[in-house]
Each structure stands twice: as structure tokens, then as C-alpha cells.
Protein backbone atom coordinates (compact mmCIF):
# COMPACT_ATOMS: atom_id res chain seq x y z
CA UNK A 1 0.07 0.01 -0.01
CA UNK A 2 1.49 3.26 -1.11
CA UNK A 3 0.29 6.80 -1.12
CA UNK A 4 -3.52 7.27 -1.30
CA UNK A 5 -4.70 7.82 -4.86
CA UNK A 6 -6.69 10.67 -6.05
CA UNK A 7 -9.78 8.59 -5.86
CA UNK A 8 -9.10 7.54 -2.32
CA UNK A 9 -8.51 11.12 -1.30
CA UNK A 10 -11.98 12.04 -2.86
CA UNK A 11 -13.71 9.29 -1.09
CA UNK A 12 -12.12 10.50 2.23
CA UNK A 13 -13.31 13.89 1.63
CA UNK A 14 -16.71 12.65 0.85
CA UNK A 15 -17.01 10.84 4.14
CA UNK A 16 -16.99 7.29 2.69
CA UNK A 17 -17.15 4.47 5.32
CA UNK A 18 -13.94 3.00 6.68
CA UNK A 19 -14.38 -0.34 5.16
CA UNK A 20 -14.65 1.09 1.69
CA UNK A 21 -11.63 3.31 2.26
CA UNK A 22 -9.52 0.45 3.67
CA UNK A 23 -10.41 -1.72 0.60
CA UNK A 24 -9.54 0.95 -1.82
CA UNK A 25 -6.26 1.90 -0.12
CA UNK A 26 -5.37 -1.78 0.13
CA UNK A 27 -5.64 -2.18 -3.70
CA UNK A 28 -3.47 0.82 -4.62
CA UNK A 29 -5.74 1.18 -7.62
CA UNK A 30 -7.08 4.51 -8.96
CA UNK A 31 -10.33 5.15 -10.93
CA UNK A 32 -11.77 3.19 -12.90
CA UNK A 33 -9.55 0.12 -12.27
CA UNK A 34 -10.78 0.12 -8.61
CA UNK A 35 -14.37 0.05 -9.75
CA UNK A 36 -13.67 -2.92 -12.15
CA UNK A 37 -11.99 -4.79 -9.34
CA UNK A 38 -14.49 -4.08 -6.55
CA UNK A 39 -16.15 -7.25 -5.14
CA UNK A 40 -18.90 -5.55 -3.18
CA UNK A 41 -22.04 -4.20 -4.62
CA UNK A 42 -22.57 -1.78 -1.56
CA UNK A 43 -19.17 -0.19 -2.22
CA UNK A 44 -20.04 0.22 -5.97
CA UNK A 45 -23.31 1.88 -5.14
CA UNK A 46 -21.77 4.09 -2.30
CA UNK A 47 -19.30 5.45 -4.92
CA UNK A 48 -22.22 6.01 -7.54
CA UNK A 49 -24.22 7.77 -4.87
CA UNK A 50 -21.46 10.04 -3.72
CA UNK A 51 -20.56 10.90 -7.35
CA UNK A 52 -24.09 12.11 -7.95
CA UNK A 53 -25.32 9.64 -10.41
CA UNK A 54 -28.79 10.50 -11.74
CA UNK A 55 -31.61 9.51 -9.25
CA UNK A 56 -33.56 7.75 -12.20
CA UNK A 57 -30.45 5.63 -12.96
CA UNK A 58 -29.88 4.82 -9.25
CA UNK A 59 -33.74 3.89 -8.90
CA UNK A 60 -33.45 1.53 -11.86
CA UNK A 61 -30.38 -0.11 -10.32
CA UNK A 62 -32.28 -0.39 -6.92
CA UNK A 63 -35.23 -2.07 -8.65
CA UNK A 64 -32.99 -4.46 -10.51
CA UNK A 65 -30.93 -5.59 -7.53
CA UNK A 66 -34.15 -5.65 -5.34
CA UNK A 67 -35.68 -8.18 -7.72
CA UNK A 68 -33.24 -10.72 -6.22
CA UNK A 69 -35.51 -10.88 -3.22
CA UNK A 70 -37.61 -13.17 -5.32
CA UNK A 71 -34.89 -15.76 -5.10
CA UNK A 72 -35.29 -16.07 -1.28
CA UNK A 73 -38.75 -15.01 -0.41
CA UNK A 74 -41.81 -16.59 -1.97
CA UNK A 75 -44.28 -14.64 0.04
CA UNK A 76 -47.20 -12.95 -1.85
CA UNK A 77 -46.99 -9.81 0.08
CA UNK A 78 -43.24 -9.29 -0.53
CA UNK A 79 -43.60 -10.39 -4.11
CA UNK A 80 -46.71 -8.05 -4.46
CA UNK A 81 -44.72 -5.19 -3.24
CA UNK A 82 -41.92 -5.86 -5.59
CA UNK A 83 -44.36 -6.02 -8.47
CA UNK A 84 -45.96 -2.83 -7.46
CA UNK A 85 -42.58 -1.16 -7.26
CA UNK A 86 -41.72 -2.28 -10.83
CA UNK A 87 -45.12 -0.95 -12.03
CA UNK A 88 -44.84 2.29 -10.31
CA UNK A 89 -41.26 2.86 -11.53
CA UNK A 90 -42.20 1.98 -15.10
CA UNK A 91 -45.19 4.30 -14.82
CA UNK A 92 -43.34 7.07 -13.29
CA UNK A 93 -45.60 7.07 -10.31
CA UNK A 94 -44.53 8.31 -6.72
CA UNK A 95 -43.09 5.61 -4.45
CA UNK A 96 -43.32 7.30 -1.10
CA UNK A 97 -46.55 5.49 0.02
CA UNK A 98 -45.22 2.09 -1.17
CA UNK A 99 -41.95 2.73 0.78
CA UNK A 100 -43.98 3.58 3.93
CA UNK A 101 -46.26 0.58 3.60
CA UNK A 102 -43.23 -1.79 3.18
CA UNK A 103 -41.30 -0.42 5.95
CA UNK A 104 -44.35 -0.85 8.12
CA UNK A 105 -44.85 -4.51 6.91
CA UNK A 106 -41.26 -5.24 7.59
CA UNK A 107 -41.47 -3.80 11.18
CA UNK A 108 -44.75 -5.72 11.86
CA UNK A 109 -43.58 -9.04 10.53
CA UNK A 110 -42.61 -11.79 13.04
CA UNK A 111 -40.77 -13.73 10.30
CA UNK A 112 -37.28 -12.61 9.63
CA UNK A 113 -37.28 -13.53 6.06
CA UNK A 114 -40.55 -11.73 5.29
CA UNK A 115 -39.25 -8.63 7.32
CA UNK A 116 -35.98 -8.51 5.32
CA UNK A 117 -38.05 -9.01 2.04
CA UNK A 118 -40.24 -6.05 2.73
CA UNK A 119 -37.15 -4.10 3.78
CA UNK A 120 -35.49 -4.60 0.47
CA UNK A 121 -38.58 -3.36 -1.45
CA UNK A 122 -38.99 -0.31 0.90
CA UNK A 123 -35.28 0.59 0.52
CA UNK A 124 -35.63 0.41 -3.39
CA UNK A 125 -38.69 2.63 -3.14
CA UNK A 126 -37.03 5.10 -0.89
CA UNK A 127 -34.19 5.49 -3.54
CA UNK A 128 -36.55 7.69 -5.47
CA UNK A 129 -35.97 10.50 -2.96
CA UNK A 130 -32.72 9.30 -1.33
CA UNK A 131 -30.40 7.70 -3.94
CA UNK A 132 -28.05 6.64 -1.01
CA UNK A 133 -30.83 4.24 0.17
CA UNK A 134 -29.78 1.75 -2.58
CA UNK A 135 -26.43 1.29 -0.86
CA UNK A 136 -28.08 -0.67 1.87
CA UNK A 137 -29.97 -3.10 -0.38
CA UNK A 138 -26.95 -5.54 -0.96
CA UNK A 139 -26.57 -5.81 2.75
CA UNK A 140 -30.12 -6.73 3.43
CA UNK A 141 -30.00 -9.23 0.48
CA UNK A 142 -26.90 -10.79 2.02
CA UNK A 143 -28.71 -11.18 5.40
CA UNK A 144 -31.60 -12.64 3.49
CA UNK A 145 -29.35 -15.21 1.69
CA UNK A 146 -27.70 -16.03 4.99
CA UNK A 147 -31.09 -16.51 6.83
CA UNK A 148 -32.11 -18.88 4.21
CA UNK A 149 -29.00 -21.00 4.50
CA UNK A 150 -29.27 -24.11 6.71
CA UNK A 151 -25.72 -25.29 6.59
CA UNK A 152 -22.59 -23.56 7.82
CA UNK A 153 -21.59 -22.01 4.35
CA UNK A 154 -22.27 -18.40 5.46
CA UNK A 155 -18.98 -17.06 4.26
CA UNK A 156 -19.58 -18.63 0.88
CA UNK A 157 -23.03 -17.18 0.67
CA UNK A 158 -21.81 -13.69 1.64
CA UNK A 159 -19.11 -13.80 -0.95
CA UNK A 160 -21.16 -15.21 -3.75
CA UNK A 161 -24.02 -12.88 -3.10
CA UNK A 162 -21.79 -9.78 -2.99
CA UNK A 163 -20.04 -10.95 -6.15
CA UNK A 164 -23.23 -11.51 -7.99
CA UNK A 165 -24.68 -8.26 -6.98
CA UNK A 166 -21.48 -6.40 -7.86
CA UNK A 167 -21.67 -7.89 -11.35
CA UNK A 168 -25.17 -6.76 -11.73
CA UNK A 169 -24.29 -3.21 -10.51
CA UNK A 170 -21.32 -2.98 -13.01
CA UNK A 171 -23.55 -4.26 -15.87
CA UNK A 172 -26.33 -1.73 -15.18
CA UNK A 173 -23.96 1.21 -14.04
CA UNK A 174 -20.57 1.04 -15.83
CA UNK A 175 -17.70 3.08 -14.55
CA UNK A 176 -18.06 5.34 -17.53
CA UNK A 177 -21.43 6.50 -16.26
CA UNK A 178 -20.30 7.71 -12.94
CA UNK A 179 -19.07 11.43 -12.92
CA UNK A 180 -15.47 11.44 -11.94
CA UNK A 181 -15.53 14.19 -9.19
CA UNK A 182 -11.97 13.38 -7.91
């Protein structure tokens, strides 16, 4: 690890979390190589949110990665919320009411999987007004994947889920689409 890169200095000035900064500094890479090498979707989304990527783009990414919830939760309420999210985004309809309803459902649920499923939909809907909300979706999806695992392969689940989500983020939001503000 050498001197901090220009990108690392920018992240520091933007108040990025310590885990992201530590990872970036450990690589010694600068932009865009660090983006291409990043194994974590939440890091990629934090970079995009801090760089000011357009809210509509962030909302599209949020909906796409939130759709992964269907892999882990087969509940009609969660899947209905996800379907409504997609319809509202496609129709350009406001999402605040859906976000509040899904948050309430997450809080009221006595089942961890259902609560996490509703939380993913709520975070995706909240991205409409707060693009940084998308940053939390990968972590909740990892929790959901872990909760669904019955054996001791948690490390494998975390790594593979983050890797899959990071690939999705890079596909939907290439480094070239993120304004370089550093």
C-alpha cells in the first residue's frame, strides 16, 4: 500500500465509510480500475451515490437488484410489493406511499425472511427520494441469503451474493457512467 490515490482522497473527503476506504487503499488502484476490481455491490453503489449519479439511474439499479429478493422469499406480500414497485417505476408514479407501507410491513412481520424481504422493497422505493438508500440493499440481500442457508456455508453465501450483486451493478451502471469528481 503506497500513497493514497486521487480517488481515495476524494472518498475520504466525501466521508466514505472506513471499510470502503480500507479496501480502496489496500488495492493501490485508482479510478476506474478500482471500480472494475471491486467485489462488493454496496461499495460500488456508495461510490455512485457520492458521485451524484442521476436519481432515475440509481432507482433503476435499486429495482434491478431488489428483484433478487424473489430468489429467497416466496411470500405473496413481498412479491406483490416488488411487482408494485416495478409498475410504479415503469409508470413514473411516486413511491413514498409504497416505501412507507413496505417499511411498516417489515416492522410488523414476526418472520425474519419476510421482514427482510419487505425491507428490500422499501429501500428500493426510498431510492426515489434518497439515492443513497440503494447502498443498503446488498447488505439486506446478504442477510436474507444467510437467513435462508441451513448449513454452515455463510462465508460462501456472503461472498457469492456480493459478487453476483457487484456484477449486476457494474452491468447496469458502468464506471463510465459515474461522474469523476475526484
